[in-house]
Protein backbone atom coordinates (compact mmCIF):
# COMPACT_ATOMS: atom_id res chain seq x y z
CA MET A 1 -0.38 0.06 0.02
CA ASP A 2 1.58 3.44 -0.84
CA LEU A 3 1.05 6.38 1.38
CA VAL A 4 0.89 9.96 0.26
CA VAL A 5 1.53 12.78 2.81
CA THR A 6 0.96 16.46 2.24
CA PRO A 7 2.96 19.11 3.70
CA ALA A 8 1.83 20.32 7.32
CA PRO A 9 1.21 24.18 8.06
CA ARG A 10 2.21 23.18 11.40
CA LEU A 11 2.34 20.12 13.91
CA ARG A 12 1.42 20.26 17.65
CA GLY A 13 0.31 17.74 19.84
CA ARG A 14 1.11 14.79 22.06
CA ILE A 15 2.12 11.53 20.86
CA PHE A 16 2.58 8.18 22.97
CA PRO A 17 4.93 6.14 20.92
CA PRO A 18 4.39 2.40 20.80
CA GLY A 19 5.99 0.04 23.24
CA ASP A 20 10.06 -0.63 23.05
CA LYS A 21 10.52 -3.20 20.51
CA SER A 22 13.73 -4.13 21.54
CA ILE A 23 12.58 -4.42 25.39
CA SER A 24 9.50 -6.23 24.09
CA HIS A 25 11.54 -9.02 22.60
CA ARG A 26 13.44 -9.06 25.41
CA ALA A 27 10.70 -9.52 28.12
CA VAL A 28 8.95 -12.28 26.16
CA MET A 29 11.81 -14.40 26.03
CA LEU A 30 13.38 -13.94 29.47
CA SER A 31 9.75 -14.32 30.91
CA ALA A 32 9.52 -17.88 29.04
CA ILE A 33 12.50 -18.98 30.55
CA ALA A 34 11.78 -17.73 33.96
CA GLU A 35 10.16 -19.53 36.63
CA GLY A 36 6.22 -18.62 37.36
CA GLU A 37 3.96 -16.20 36.06
CA THR A 38 5.78 -12.39 34.25
CA VAL A 39 3.15 -9.95 33.42
CA VAL A 40 4.57 -7.64 30.42
CA GLU A 41 2.64 -4.35 30.45
CA GLY A 42 3.12 -1.74 27.33
CA PHE A 43 4.12 -4.90 24.85
CA LEU A 44 4.50 -3.84 21.61
CA TRP A 45 1.50 -5.36 19.39
CA ALA A 46 3.79 -5.35 16.14
CA ALA A 47 5.13 -7.79 13.23
CA ASP A 48 8.30 -8.24 14.49
CA CYS A 49 7.36 -9.01 18.79
CA ILE A 50 4.61 -10.95 17.08
CA GLN A 51 6.96 -13.45 15.76
CA THR A 52 9.06 -13.91 18.78
CA VAL A 53 5.21 -14.89 20.82
CA ARG A 54 4.75 -17.48 18.20
CA CYS A 55 8.31 -18.86 18.46
CA MET A 56 8.27 -19.14 22.19
CA ARG A 57 4.84 -20.96 21.92
CA ARG A 58 6.44 -23.33 19.71
CA LEU A 59 8.78 -24.05 22.05
CA GLY A 60 6.24 -24.89 24.67
CA VAL A 61 5.78 -21.70 26.68
CA PRO A 62 1.90 -20.78 27.52
CA ILE A 63 1.34 -17.04 26.62
CA GLU A 64 -1.89 -15.29 27.24
CA GLU A 65 -2.73 -12.19 25.42
CA GLU A 66 -4.74 -9.28 26.89
CA ALA A 67 -5.98 -5.88 25.34
CA HIS A 68 -2.59 -4.15 26.77
CA ARG A 69 -0.68 -6.65 28.08
CA LEU A 70 1.01 -10.31 27.89
CA VAL A 71 0.87 -13.05 30.42
CA VAL A 72 3.69 -15.19 30.04
CA HIS A 73 3.44 -18.25 32.21
CA GLY A 74 7.64 -19.39 32.43
CA VAL A 75 8.53 -22.57 31.93
CA GLY A 76 12.23 -22.26 33.18
CA LEU A 77 15.69 -22.33 32.15
CA ARG A 78 14.95 -26.13 31.43
CA GLY A 79 11.57 -26.21 30.25
CA LEU A 80 11.77 -25.45 26.86
CA ARG A 81 10.55 -28.50 24.61
CA GLU A 82 11.54 -29.42 20.96
CA ALA A 83 9.17 -27.61 18.41
CA GLU A 84 7.77 -29.61 16.05
CA ASP A 85 8.00 -27.59 13.08
CA VAL A 86 10.63 -25.16 11.84
CA LEU A 87 10.74 -21.74 14.04
CA ASP A 88 10.04 -18.67 11.53
CA ALA A 89 11.37 -15.43 12.98
CA GLY A 90 9.45 -13.38 10.23
CA ASN A 91 11.48 -10.28 9.36
CA SER A 92 12.88 -9.92 12.98
CA GLY A 93 16.48 -10.45 13.26
CA THR A 94 16.29 -9.54 16.88
CA THR A 95 14.09 -12.49 17.22
CA MET A 96 16.56 -14.86 15.28
CA ARG A 97 19.65 -13.39 16.70
CA LEU A 98 18.68 -13.56 20.59
CA LEU A 99 16.57 -16.82 20.07
CA CYS A 100 19.70 -18.82 19.06
CA GLY A 101 21.68 -17.64 22.28
CA ILE A 102 18.77 -19.03 23.95
CA LEU A 103 18.51 -22.38 21.74
CA ALA A 104 22.19 -23.19 22.12
CA GLY A 105 21.79 -24.32 25.65
CA GLN A 106 18.38 -26.32 24.93
CA PRO A 107 19.12 -30.42 24.82
CA PHE A 108 17.56 -30.36 21.41
CA TYR A 109 17.36 -29.80 17.83
CA THR A 110 15.74 -26.76 16.06
CA VAL A 111 15.36 -25.17 12.92
CA MET A 112 14.92 -21.13 12.12
CA THR A 113 14.41 -19.12 9.30
CA GLY A 114 12.97 -15.61 8.08
CA ASP A 115 11.51 -14.04 5.41
CA ALA A 116 13.45 -13.35 2.32
CA SER A 117 15.11 -9.92 3.85
CA LEU A 118 16.24 -11.94 6.95
CA ARG A 119 17.62 -14.47 5.11
CA ARG A 120 20.19 -12.13 3.51
CA ARG A 121 20.89 -10.74 6.67
CA PRO A 122 24.19 -11.86 8.37
CA MET A 123 24.04 -14.66 11.16
CA ASP A 124 27.73 -15.44 11.15
CA ARG A 125 28.15 -12.60 13.76
CA VAL A 126 26.31 -14.74 16.54
CA VAL A 127 26.95 -18.20 14.83
CA VAL A 128 30.65 -18.00 15.48
CA PRO A 129 30.60 -17.02 19.36
CA LEU A 130 27.96 -19.56 19.97
CA ARG A 131 30.12 -22.08 18.23
CA GLU A 132 33.21 -21.18 20.51
CA MET A 133 30.77 -21.85 23.42
CA GLY A 134 30.46 -25.39 22.00
CA ALA A 135 27.00 -24.94 19.95
CA ARG A 136 26.60 -26.76 16.54
CA ILE A 137 25.32 -24.62 14.27
CA GLU A 138 25.12 -24.98 10.44
CA GLY A 139 23.35 -22.59 8.05
CA ARG A 140 23.67 -21.73 4.43
CA MET A 141 27.20 -20.59 3.33
CA GLY A 142 28.89 -22.16 6.51
CA GLY A 143 26.38 -20.78 8.84
CA LYS A 144 26.41 -17.03 7.50
CA TYR A 145 22.77 -17.04 6.60
CA ALA A 146 19.46 -18.63 7.47
CA PRO A 147 17.63 -20.96 7.61
CA LEU A 148 20.08 -21.91 10.72
CA SER A 149 20.10 -25.49 12.41
CA ILE A 150 21.08 -25.83 16.02
CA HIS A 151 22.03 -28.56 18.31
CA GLY A 152 22.23 -26.96 21.72
CA GLY A 153 23.58 -28.05 24.71
CA ASN A 154 26.92 -28.60 26.73
CA LEU A 155 28.17 -24.87 26.86
CA ARG A 156 31.14 -23.39 28.15
CA GLY A 157 31.55 -19.51 29.17
CA ILE A 158 33.83 -17.55 26.94
CA ASP A 159 35.48 -14.29 27.43
CA TYR A 160 34.40 -12.53 23.63
CA SER A 161 35.47 -9.45 22.16
CA LEU A 162 32.86 -8.26 19.91
CA PRO A 163 34.43 -7.54 16.44
CA VAL A 164 31.51 -4.88 15.57
CA PRO A 165 29.58 -3.17 18.58
CA SER A 166 26.25 -4.92 18.12
CA ALA A 167 23.79 -5.31 21.04
CA GLN A 168 21.80 -8.41 19.29
CA VAL A 169 25.27 -10.49 19.28
CA LYS A 170 25.91 -9.39 22.82
CA SER A 171 22.80 -10.17 23.84
CA ALA A 172 23.09 -13.56 22.33
CA VAL A 173 25.94 -14.65 23.97
CA LEU A 174 24.61 -13.65 27.25
CA LEU A 175 21.74 -15.64 26.77
CA ALA A 176 23.91 -18.49 25.84
CA GLY A 177 25.77 -17.51 28.95
CA LEU A 178 22.78 -18.47 31.00
CA TYR A 179 23.60 -22.28 30.20
CA ALA A 180 27.19 -22.57 30.06
CA GLU A 181 29.53 -23.57 32.68
CA GLY A 182 31.37 -20.75 34.04
CA SER A 183 30.78 -17.41 33.64
CA THR A 184 30.39 -15.42 29.90
CA THR A 185 31.95 -12.16 29.45
CA ILE A 186 31.32 -9.71 26.31
CA ARG A 187 33.77 -6.91 25.40
CA GLU A 188 33.17 -4.21 23.21
CA SER A 189 35.01 -1.15 22.21
CA ILE A 190 31.88 1.14 21.73
CA PRO A 191 28.72 0.50 24.44
CA SER A 192 25.73 -0.56 22.60
CA ARG A 193 22.32 -1.05 24.01
CA ASP A 194 22.14 -2.64 27.26
CA HIS A 195 18.42 -3.58 27.67
CA THR A 196 19.52 -7.54 28.20
CA GLU A 197 21.59 -6.93 30.93
CA ARG A 198 19.19 -4.75 32.97
CA MET A 199 16.48 -6.85 32.07
CA LEU A 200 18.49 -10.03 33.20
CA THR A 201 19.27 -8.43 36.77
CA VAL A 202 15.33 -7.63 36.90
CA PHE A 203 14.81 -11.37 36.57
CA GLY A 204 17.58 -12.45 39.08
CA ALA A 205 20.40 -12.93 37.36
CA GLU A 206 23.99 -12.24 38.34
CA VAL A 207 25.27 -9.49 35.84
CA SER A 208 28.50 -7.73 36.56
CA ARG A 209 29.38 -4.54 34.26
CA GLY A 210 32.29 -2.00 33.36
CA THR A 211 32.39 0.60 30.50
CA GLN A 212 33.35 -1.59 28.34
CA TRP A 213 32.28 -5.39 29.32
CA VAL A 214 29.67 -7.21 30.80
CA THR A 215 29.68 -10.70 32.90
CA VAL A 216 26.99 -13.05 33.57
CA LYS A 217 27.33 -16.44 35.75
CA PRO A 218 24.41 -19.15 35.05
CA PRO A 219 22.11 -19.04 37.71
CA GLU A 220 19.96 -21.97 39.08
CA ARG A 221 16.60 -19.91 38.19
CA LEU A 222 15.64 -16.74 36.46
CA TYR A 223 12.08 -15.50 38.82
CA GLY A 224 8.94 -14.33 36.69
CA THR A 225 7.97 -10.65 37.34
CA LYS A 226 6.41 -7.73 36.00
CA ILE A 227 7.87 -5.59 33.23
CA GLN A 228 6.39 -2.20 31.80
CA VAL A 229 7.65 -1.59 28.53
CA PRO A 230 8.58 2.22 27.81
CA GLY A 231 7.82 3.65 24.70
CA ASP A 232 9.83 3.10 22.00
CA PHE A 233 12.58 5.82 21.41
CA SER A 234 13.42 4.78 17.95
CA SER A 235 9.85 5.27 16.87
CA ALA A 236 9.35 8.57 18.90
CA ALA A 237 12.49 9.84 16.55
CA PHE A 238 10.28 10.14 13.84
CA PHE A 239 8.08 12.63 15.59
CA ILE A 240 11.02 14.13 17.43
CA VAL A 241 12.38 15.37 14.32
CA ALA A 242 9.34 16.20 12.58
CA ALA A 243 8.56 18.78 15.21
CA ALA A 244 12.47 19.98 15.36
CA ALA A 245 12.83 20.95 11.61
CA HIS A 246 9.36 22.21 11.30
CA PRO A 247 9.26 25.89 11.49
CA ARG A 248 5.57 26.01 13.27
CA ALA A 249 5.63 23.23 15.57
CA GLU A 250 5.21 22.61 19.46
CA VAL A 251 5.21 18.06 20.08
CA VAL A 252 5.33 16.42 23.48
CA ILE A 253 6.30 13.03 23.23
CA GLN A 254 5.20 11.26 26.41
CA ASN A 255 6.08 7.99 28.53
CA VAL A 256 9.48 7.54 26.19
CA GLY A 257 12.45 5.24 27.31
CA LEU A 258 15.70 7.48 27.88
CA ASN A 259 17.72 4.42 28.12
CA PRO A 260 21.36 6.56 27.50
CA THR A 261 22.56 4.00 25.19
CA ARG A 262 19.57 4.62 22.75
CA THR A 263 19.39 8.79 22.95
CA GLY A 264 22.58 9.66 20.74
CA ALA A 265 19.84 11.17 18.17
CA LEU A 266 18.79 13.97 20.70
CA GLU A 267 22.39 14.96 21.40
CA VAL A 268 22.89 15.29 17.19
CA LEU A 269 19.56 17.18 17.17
CA ARG A 270 20.98 19.84 19.89
CA GLU A 271 24.09 20.12 17.83
CA MET A 272 22.20 21.03 14.87
CA GLY A 273 20.22 23.50 16.76
CA ALA A 274 17.34 22.11 17.79
CA GLN A 275 15.07 23.21 20.73
CA VAL A 276 14.88 20.07 22.79
CA GLU A 277 13.87 19.48 26.49
CA VAL A 278 14.26 16.18 28.25
CA ILE A 279 12.08 15.66 31.59
CA PRO A 280 12.97 12.57 33.19
CA HIS A 281 10.64 10.52 35.32
CA GLY A 282 12.40 8.13 37.15
CA GLU A 283 12.87 4.28 35.78
CA VAL A 284 10.27 1.36 35.16
CA GLY A 285 11.63 -2.15 35.25
CA GLY A 286 15.22 -1.06 35.35
CA GLU A 287 14.88 1.44 32.40
CA PRO A 288 14.91 5.46 32.56
CA VAL A 289 11.57 7.03 31.26
CA GLY A 290 10.52 10.41 30.88
CA GLU A 291 9.01 12.97 28.18
CA ILE A 292 10.40 15.03 25.43
CA PHE A 293 9.33 18.71 24.22
CA VAL A 294 10.18 19.97 20.91
CA ARG A 295 9.78 23.05 19.48
CA GLY A 296 10.46 23.86 15.83
CA GLY A 297 13.21 26.10 14.51
CA PRO A 298 16.09 26.38 11.78
CA LEU A 299 18.68 23.87 11.87
CA ARG A 300 22.50 22.87 10.85
CA GLY A 301 24.65 20.44 9.69
CA VAL A 302 26.95 18.49 11.59
CA ARG A 303 29.26 15.70 11.58
CA ILE A 304 27.45 12.39 12.71
CA GLU A 305 30.65 9.66 13.56
CA GLY A 306 32.36 7.47 15.85
CA ASP A 307 31.24 6.30 19.25
CA ARG A 308 28.03 7.79 18.94
CA ILE A 309 26.86 5.42 15.66
CA PRO A 310 25.81 2.44 18.01
CA ARG A 311 23.63 4.82 19.94
CA LEU A 312 21.72 6.11 16.93
CA ILE A 313 22.03 3.43 14.45
CA ASP A 314 18.33 2.73 13.92
CA GLU A 315 17.70 6.97 13.87
CA ILE A 316 20.25 7.54 10.94
CA PRO A 317 17.48 7.87 8.57
CA ILE A 318 15.05 9.70 10.23
CA LEU A 319 18.23 12.04 11.29
CA CYS A 320 18.84 12.65 7.28
CA ILE A 321 15.50 13.89 7.07
CA ALA A 322 16.92 16.62 9.65
CA ALA A 323 19.86 16.80 7.43
CA ALA A 324 18.30 17.34 4.45
CA VAL A 325 16.56 20.60 5.57
CA ALA A 326 19.26 21.65 7.22
CA GLU A 327 21.73 24.63 6.23
CA GLY A 328 25.16 23.30 5.26
CA GLU A 329 26.37 19.98 4.73
CA THR A 330 25.92 16.72 6.92
CA VAL A 331 28.51 14.33 6.87
CA ILE A 332 27.75 10.52 8.49
CA GLU A 333 30.57 8.60 8.67
CA GLY A 334 31.08 4.71 10.34
CA ALA A 335 27.43 3.49 9.52
CA GLY A 336 28.49 0.83 7.19
CA GLU A 337 26.12 -1.80 9.97
CA LEU A 338 23.07 0.21 7.62
CA ARG A 339 23.94 -1.53 4.53
CA VAL A 340 22.80 -5.35 6.13
CA LYS A 341 19.36 -4.19 8.08
CA GLU A 342 16.10 -4.92 6.20
CA SER A 343 17.56 -2.87 3.19
CA ASP A 344 20.50 -1.21 2.60
CA ARG A 345 19.70 1.74 4.04
CA LEU A 346 22.43 4.21 3.06
CA ALA A 347 21.80 3.25 -0.62
CA ALA A 348 17.79 3.38 0.19
CA ILE A 349 18.35 7.01 2.12
CA ALA A 350 20.61 8.39 -1.24
CA ILE A 351 17.86 7.22 -3.59
CA GLY A 352 15.20 8.48 -1.89
CA LEU A 353 16.76 11.86 -0.90
CA ARG A 354 17.63 12.43 -4.58
CA ALA A 355 13.95 11.64 -5.78
CA LEU A 356 13.08 14.42 -3.64
CA GLY A 357 15.36 17.11 -4.98
CA ILE A 358 18.21 17.12 -2.42
CA THR A 359 21.98 16.69 -3.00
CA VAL A 360 23.71 13.65 -1.43
CA GLU A 361 26.90 11.74 -1.89
CA GLU A 362 26.83 7.99 -0.83
CA LEU A 363 30.12 6.84 0.82
CA PRO A 364 30.87 2.98 1.58
CA GLU A 365 29.93 3.70 5.19
CA GLY A 366 27.74 6.84 5.30
CA LEU A 367 26.55 9.85 3.36
CA VAL A 368 27.16 13.42 2.50
CA ILE A 369 23.90 15.33 2.72
CA ARG A 370 23.76 19.18 1.10
CA GLY A 371 20.56 20.70 3.02
CA GLY A 372 18.12 22.56 1.05
CA ARG A 373 14.12 21.94 0.49
CA PHE A 374 12.30 19.09 -0.22
CA ARG A 375 10.49 19.60 -3.74
CA GLY A 376 8.12 16.60 -3.56
CA GLY A 377 7.87 13.52 -5.40
CA ARG A 378 7.68 9.91 -5.26
CA VAL A 379 10.16 7.34 -3.32
CA HIS A 380 10.30 3.66 -2.50
CA SER A 381 10.58 2.26 0.91
CA PHE A 382 12.56 -1.15 -0.45
CA GLY A 383 10.04 -3.08 2.17
CA ASP A 384 11.79 -1.48 5.08
CA HIS A 385 9.93 0.28 8.02
CA ARG A 386 12.15 3.05 9.07
CA ILE A 387 12.56 4.14 5.42
CA ALA A 388 9.13 4.00 5.10
CA MET A 389 8.51 6.48 8.02
CA ALA A 390 11.70 8.68 7.33
CA PHE A 391 10.12 9.70 4.01
CA ALA A 392 6.31 10.26 5.28
CA ILE A 393 8.02 12.69 7.66
CA ALA A 394 9.73 14.36 4.60
CA GLY A 395 6.31 14.83 3.38
CA LEU A 396 5.35 17.20 6.20
CA LEU A 397 8.46 19.18 5.31
CA SER A 398 7.93 19.33 1.50
CA GLU A 399 6.88 21.89 -0.90
CA GLU A 400 4.83 19.28 -2.60
CA PRO A 401 3.29 16.33 -1.45
CA VAL A 402 5.63 12.77 -1.05
CA MET A 403 4.48 9.43 -2.28
CA ILE A 404 5.67 6.42 -0.14
CA GLU A 405 5.42 3.18 -1.88
CA GLU A 406 4.99 0.00 0.10
CA THR A 407 4.28 1.37 3.22
CA ASP A 408 2.38 -2.14 4.38
CA CYS A 409 6.11 -2.96 6.02
CA ILE A 410 5.44 0.09 8.84
CA VAL A 411 3.50 -2.35 10.85
CA ILE A 412 6.91 -4.16 11.71
CA SER A 413 7.42 -1.55 14.24
CA PHE A 414 4.76 1.27 14.33
CA PRO A 415 1.28 0.08 13.77
CA GLY A 416 -0.32 3.30 14.78
CA PHE A 417 1.95 5.51 12.79
CA LYS A 418 -0.39 6.95 10.39
CA GLU A 419 -2.67 7.68 12.84
CA ALA A 420 0.15 9.50 14.96
CA LEU A 421 0.81 11.41 12.07
CA GLN A 422 -2.59 12.62 11.36
CA GLN A 423 -3.20 13.55 14.86
CA LEU A 424 -0.50 16.37 15.05
CA ILE A 425 -1.59 17.63 11.58
CA LEU A 426 -5.18 17.87 12.92
CA SER A 427 -4.31 19.29 16.20
């Protein structure tokens, strides 16, 4: 389905972003291997997270769906059972990579696959350390791509340095470490998202952390609890940028996660001159939450590179929309990870920006964007939810309407996106 977004004369109102996708995935998985009941409030009812629920059910975990929450009846660390069929992760890299860590510790055989897009995304980054721990994992091209077959059990703890900062790889190894003999330590040169470490502690695991390392000891058990999922910062970022870049905008984002490993985009926007105020409201389930007030105004180009990239990797598509209307040049470097997401996001952004009249140079691991004005036009989402939403925001800031092709993919992370968009325009 195509989406046409027309220029907005102003943007006003309040946005309640959907539940955090990363936290929703982890809440279901850890609830499943805990003992007793866990209630997950604010769960993200989006395609990716639903695939995680389906996979855990196939592994024998009873999960009840209620209006605004999940009730997971945990089977314990060693209570999962062998699935009768192939597990399908759909489009969700988080589902596949994190489940690989849990399944690596199970005394049974599992096959996992996904859709065409996921089968093109690299899985060797989790396969290599899990094999080092003792798991037997096979897949296409020597385990680089799904489908993957996993013979789990008899793991040993390892001390592993991540070649590339990745919360998914770190999480997969930490989850496998719950089943290993001895402690498991992950080292990373640049800190990545720490949702798994935080949530493991909430479920009763013994986790120790430094600035560039985290260690987990295999517990006897995890304990069911209550998890409150905050609003997803990555989803909120689309509206934060929309408000920051629009000359007549006042927008409040409420109940949003403020995990410091996720909010690098706020630092970039402030450097660009955006008027952004953050109001913390404490912690919920080990995660900081609060609200963000944004007022529109002129922006200027910046450099986005180095240590901050892992803290804003999912926000780069929407930051490129801010860069496109900013004065001067924005340079993004060190973001090669975007080439192996749901699409080649660097290429998709460059193609879309050019179609809307913006001058952009594509680098091997980044982009150079020269600010101007969107003239309107037609762009393709490439089946990527973040590309689709980014160019929908471009439509609000454009001189003429923007048509985005194939926007059904938006439900992967933000089922109510179009309604939220309309709400800000009409408020």
